[in-house]
Every structure is written in C-alpha cells, then in structure tokens.
Amino acid sequence: MQTSRFSILLAAFCALAAPASLHAQSENPAWLDELARQIADQEQCEVGFYIFMDEQKLGGRKTVQAKLQCVDGRQFDASRTEPATEFEISECGTRVC
C-alpha cells in the first residue's frame, strides 16, 4: 500500500514538473544576447546570471529590463525601450537597485 502511494505521488510530480522543465529549457530572447554583447564591450562584464528579466509593452513600445550579475560579482541594471537599439546600463555598486 505504501509503495503504490509513493508511485502515484512520484508519477503526479513528474507529470507536473515536465512542462516546467521544458519551458525552462527554451531559448533566451534575442535581446539578452544583445545585452550580453553590449555589457561585455561597455563594462568588461561577462554575464554570470540574470537576477531579473522583464518584457512589457508600454505605450505600444516594447520595453525590456534586466538585472544581472557578472562573473566577477558586479551587478548591473539594464533597460531599453523601442526604438532605442542600445541599453541604458547602470552599475548597482553599494546602492540598492
């Protein structure tokens, strides 16, 4: 009886987790690659990971924002609103972003 409950719970967990893991493996939006290139050139930052990412429509224009951490530990905020092609980048430093 205990084994069958465990099997049912395990099967339910796998069924629920599968779509989430498939979604997590999707490709990053192209703007993240553009941001990584710009911040590497501008700040000599190799992106370690993204803390926050957001895409929204604001007044009919696409706005993207990200907070990221470089492999050396520095953190940056970045944003861009169409039709701009460059990101506005600011280092977090000791202030709260």
C-alpha atoms as a PDB file:
ATOM      1  CA  MET A   1       0.000   0.000   0.000  1.00  0.00           C
ATOM      2  CA  GLN A   2       2.837   2.433   0.892  1.00  0.00           C
ATOM      3  CA  THR A   3       4.692   1.679  -2.363  1.00  0.00           C
ATOM      4  CA  SER A   4       1.625   2.361  -4.528  1.00  0.00           C
ATOM      5  CA  ARG A   5       1.034   5.757  -2.850  1.00  0.00           C
ATOM      6  CA  PHE A   6       4.666   6.639  -3.442  1.00  0.00           C
ATOM      7  CA  SER A   7       4.386   5.603  -7.099  1.00  0.00           C
ATOM      8  CA  ILE A   8       1.243   7.677  -7.582  1.00  0.00           C
ATOM      9  CA  LEU A   9       2.844  10.735  -5.957  1.00  0.00           C
ATOM     10  CA  LEU A  10       6.004  10.288  -7.994  1.00  0.00           C
ATOM     11  CA  ALA A  11       4.018   9.982 -11.242  1.00  0.00           C
ATOM     12  CA  ALA A  12       1.974  13.096 -10.367  1.00  0.00           C
ATOM     13  CA  PHE A  13       5.121  15.062  -9.558  1.00  0.00           C
ATOM     14  CA  CYS A  14       6.770  14.047 -12.842  1.00  0.00           C
ATOM     15  CA  ALA A  15       3.665  14.976 -14.824  1.00  0.00           C
ATOM     16  CA  LEU A  16       3.549  18.425 -13.231  1.00  0.00           C
ATOM     17  CA  ALA A  17       7.305  19.051 -13.411  1.00  0.00           C
ATOM     18  CA  ALA A  18       7.751  18.057 -17.067  1.00  0.00           C
ATOM     19  CA  PRO A  19       6.088  21.134 -18.620  1.00  0.00           C
ATOM     20  CA  ALA A  20       8.014  23.465 -16.301  1.00  0.00           C
ATOM     21  CA  SER A  21      11.352  21.911 -17.176  1.00  0.00           C
ATOM     22  CA  LEU A  22      10.549  22.062 -20.885  1.00  0.00           C
ATOM     23  CA  HIS A  23       9.716  25.738 -20.538  1.00  0.00           C
ATOM     24  CA  ALA A  24      12.923  26.427 -18.602  1.00  0.00           C
ATOM     25  CA  GLN A  25      14.965  24.911 -21.425  1.00  0.00           C
ATOM     26  CA  SER A  26      13.587  27.281 -24.075  1.00  0.00           C
ATOM     27  CA  GLU A  27      15.956  29.704 -25.772  1.00  0.00           C
ATOM     28  CA  ASN A  28      16.603  33.116 -24.261  1.00  0.00           C
ATOM     29  CA  PRO A  29      15.104  36.127 -26.016  1.00  0.00           C
ATOM     30  CA  ALA A  30      17.443  37.717 -28.576  1.00  0.00           C
ATOM     31  CA  TRP A  31      17.650  40.921 -26.532  1.00  0.00           C
ATOM     32  CA  LEU A  32      19.526  39.053 -23.764  1.00  0.00           C
ATOM     33  CA  ASP A  33      22.261  38.154 -26.252  1.00  0.00           C
ATOM     34  CA  GLU A  34      22.377  41.800 -27.377  1.00  0.00           C
ATOM     35  CA  LEU A  35      22.641  42.939 -23.749  1.00  0.00           C
ATOM     36  CA  ALA A  36      25.426  40.433 -23.023  1.00  0.00           C
ATOM     37  CA  ARG A  37      27.416  41.736 -26.007  1.00  0.00           C
ATOM     38  CA  GLN A  38      26.894  45.388 -25.079  1.00  0.00           C
ATOM     39  CA  ILE A  39      27.794  44.949 -21.410  1.00  0.00           C
ATOM     40  CA  ALA A  40      30.899  42.946 -22.340  1.00  0.00           C
ATOM     41  CA  ASP A  41      32.057  45.801 -24.599  1.00  0.00           C
ATOM     42  CA  GLN A  42      30.989  48.663 -22.370  1.00  0.00           C
ATOM     43  CA  GLU A  43      31.739  47.336 -18.873  1.00  0.00           C
ATOM     44  CA  GLN A  44      34.052  44.361 -19.495  1.00  0.00           C
ATOM     45  CA  CYS A  45      31.418  42.187 -17.821  1.00  0.00           C
ATOM     46  CA  GLU A  46      30.924  38.524 -18.601  1.00  0.00           C
ATOM     47  CA  VAL A  47      27.348  37.741 -17.559  1.00  0.00           C
ATOM     48  CA  GLY A  48      27.265  35.079 -14.860  1.00  0.00           C
ATOM     49  CA  PHE A  49      23.499  35.022 -14.492  1.00  0.00           C
ATOM     50  CA  TYR A  50      20.374  37.119 -14.755  1.00  0.00           C
ATOM     51  CA  ILE A  51      18.683  38.048 -11.476  1.00  0.00           C
ATOM     52  CA  PHE A  52      15.635  39.593 -13.132  1.00  0.00           C
ATOM     53  CA  MET A  53      14.290  39.851 -16.686  1.00  0.00           C
ATOM     54  CA  ASP A  54      11.107  41.515 -17.916  1.00  0.00           C
ATOM     55  CA  GLU A  55       9.465  42.363 -21.239  1.00  0.00           C
ATOM     56  CA  GLN A  56       6.453  44.672 -21.431  1.00  0.00           C
ATOM     57  CA  LYS A  57       4.558  46.868 -23.848  1.00  0.00           C
ATOM     58  CA  LEU A  58       4.485  50.468 -22.663  1.00  0.00           C
ATOM     59  CA  GLY A  59       2.560  52.935 -24.783  1.00  0.00           C
ATOM     60  CA  GLY A  60       2.712  50.488 -27.688  1.00  0.00           C
ATOM     61  CA  ARG A  61       6.509  50.216 -27.453  1.00  0.00           C
ATOM     62  CA  LYS A  62       8.416  47.164 -26.257  1.00  0.00           C
ATOM     63  CA  THR A  63      10.343  47.766 -23.041  1.00  0.00           C
ATOM     64  CA  VAL A  64      12.861  45.279 -21.683  1.00  0.00           C
ATOM     65  CA  GLN A  65      14.623  45.321 -18.317  1.00  0.00           C
ATOM     66  CA  ALA A  66      17.169  43.096 -16.654  1.00  0.00           C
ATOM     67  CA  LYS A  67      19.311  42.918 -13.572  1.00  0.00           C
ATOM     68  CA  LEU A  68      22.385  40.776 -13.975  1.00  0.00           C
ATOM     69  CA  GLN A  69      25.478  39.689 -12.149  1.00  0.00           C
ATOM     70  CA  CYS A  70      28.882  39.446 -13.796  1.00  0.00           C
ATOM     71  CA  VAL A  71      31.153  36.502 -13.069  1.00  0.00           C
ATOM     72  CA  ASP A  72      33.366  38.927 -11.090  1.00  0.00           C
ATOM     73  CA  GLY A  73      30.441  39.759  -8.751  1.00  0.00           C
ATOM     74  CA  ARG A  74      29.464  43.194 -10.041  1.00  0.00           C
ATOM     75  CA  GLN A  75      25.742  43.783 -10.637  1.00  0.00           C
ATOM     76  CA  PHE A  76      24.078  45.959 -13.251  1.00  0.00           C
ATOM     77  CA  ASP A  77      20.609  47.159 -14.156  1.00  0.00           C
ATOM     78  CA  ALA A  78      19.825  47.497 -17.852  1.00  0.00           C
ATOM     79  CA  SER A  79      16.798  48.725 -19.768  1.00  0.00           C
ATOM     80  CA  ARG A  80      15.799  49.561 -23.318  1.00  0.00           C
ATOM     81  CA  THR A  81      12.622  50.955 -24.859  1.00  0.00           C
ATOM     82  CA  GLU A  82      11.986  50.724 -28.601  1.00  0.00           C
ATOM     83  CA  PRO A  83      13.036  52.272 -30.913  1.00  0.00           C
ATOM     84  CA  ALA A  84      16.350  52.519 -28.998  1.00  0.00           C
ATOM     85  CA  THR A  85      18.924  49.927 -30.005  1.00  0.00           C
ATOM     86  CA  GLU A  86      21.321  50.431 -27.084  1.00  0.00           C
ATOM     87  CA  PHE A  87      20.641  49.548 -23.464  1.00  0.00           C
ATOM     88  CA  GLU A  88      20.909  52.041 -20.637  1.00  0.00           C
ATOM     89  CA  ILE A  89      23.223  50.322 -18.183  1.00  0.00           C
ATOM     90  CA  SER A  90      23.980  51.331 -14.602  1.00  0.00           C
ATOM     91  CA  GLU A  91      26.144  49.564 -12.049  1.00  0.00           C
ATOM     92  CA  CYS A  92      24.434  48.742  -8.769  1.00  0.00           C
ATOM     93  CA  GLY A  93      27.560  49.054  -6.614  1.00  0.00           C
ATOM     94  CA  THR A  94      26.691  49.556  -2.959  1.00  0.00           C
ATOM     95  CA  ARG A  95      23.355  51.239  -3.609  1.00  0.00           C
ATOM     96  CA  VAL A  96      20.129  49.270  -3.741  1.00  0.00           C
ATOM     97  CA  CYS A  97      18.901  48.725  -7.302  1.00  0.00           C
END
